């Protein structure tokens, strides 16, 4: 190439024209080379600054990874591993982050879901907050933020669809967790995860905790016979629903149960609902698709109509709540006046709380021992506790738990729930 260029430069008029052409070819070549180098960098910048929301990664059942230095042991020979679904609506991002840190443990799996009425910016901020909240979250890779949410319809099947979807994802993220727990942004724990894992270690992992009843009474027309169509199932971002003018008869192919929408379900039952190796979960899913409040009846009706799980149900949602007299649709908001009752109840969770409720700070300090803005301190945290460092920024054996004083009350609470179920003669109440 150098010889040709030198020969052109030594020629006459014809050689000058050829030299000019050669120079243009070199200029074009250099421009193309520059663009070819710049384009990948430009695409990388655009992808990094893209406004598209984060999404679940769906690894295969055997590809979930944890810290190589501190392997997590799950299964029957190890303490229970829990899978949490934390849900919120527009504006609930900071509350979900606080709730995550209050229930965080490296042994568990977590899915955080902001409904479709929240903006993509809120989801991005939540994901960024999760990534920066604690070093263990990045090391154990056990927290996922839903990037493509379901609708935030106050009633209808979109909420149930989001719960089942998150449960299916958590089944794929890790093969060995034992219980699936649902919490909302208005919930908060009243025990540490060390307390909860310790007490559940002595409970049969076949049990499901579902507050339920078949005594619907005067609400049969509204809860069972009314039909609605949830627009959020079919149209992205819609939060309204349409009520049918006619009503359908009460089903006679199965018994209708209702109760608290907040549940603790074991892995086998979640697989039964998601994989559906029998027709019952699918049939009831089609029916509850048009029910006003399906999350208050779907799991309850499936579990109490299934011969495999009928007698493995504890009639308790494991939550403390205070009600007006007469009771309204939702429990009252808890405040400092409820502290002693919340503490003495022994329940692992309580609801409802307003955002930034002072009672939450007292629970953090007096019950959970939460230090600063990090996760609740547990036996897995091995760092120094000081004003300048989070003890959970370092960790040792995550398979060891150290229960505290509240574990005694929790054990008594769970024991009473099991005794009440045993004395009733049947797990599912058919009053």
Foldseek 3Di string as FASTA:
>chain_A
DVVVQVVLVPDPPVSVVVNVVVVVVVVVVVVVVVCVVVVVVVVVVCVVPPLQADADDQDAQPPQDAAPQADADFDLVFFAEEEEEEEEEAPLLVLSLLQCLAADALRYAYEYEYALNHDSVSRVVSVVCQPPFAPRCVRGVRYYYHRQHFHPAVWFCSVVVRVLVSLVRVCGNYPGHWKYWYHYSQKHFLAYNLLVRVLCSPPDSLAKEAAKALPCDPCCCQFAWWFKAQVRVPDPHDHDIGTDPGTDDGDPVFRWMFADLTIMHTPVLSCCLNVVPDCLNVVLSVRRNTGGHSSGTNSLRSQCRDPVRFQRYQNHNLEDFAADVVGDPGGDADAPVCLVVRLQQLRGMYDGHDPPGVSVVVSCVPRQVPDDSGHRDWQQFCADDDPVDDSNNHGDHSSDTDGDPSSVSNSVNVVVRVVVCVVVVTNHYHD
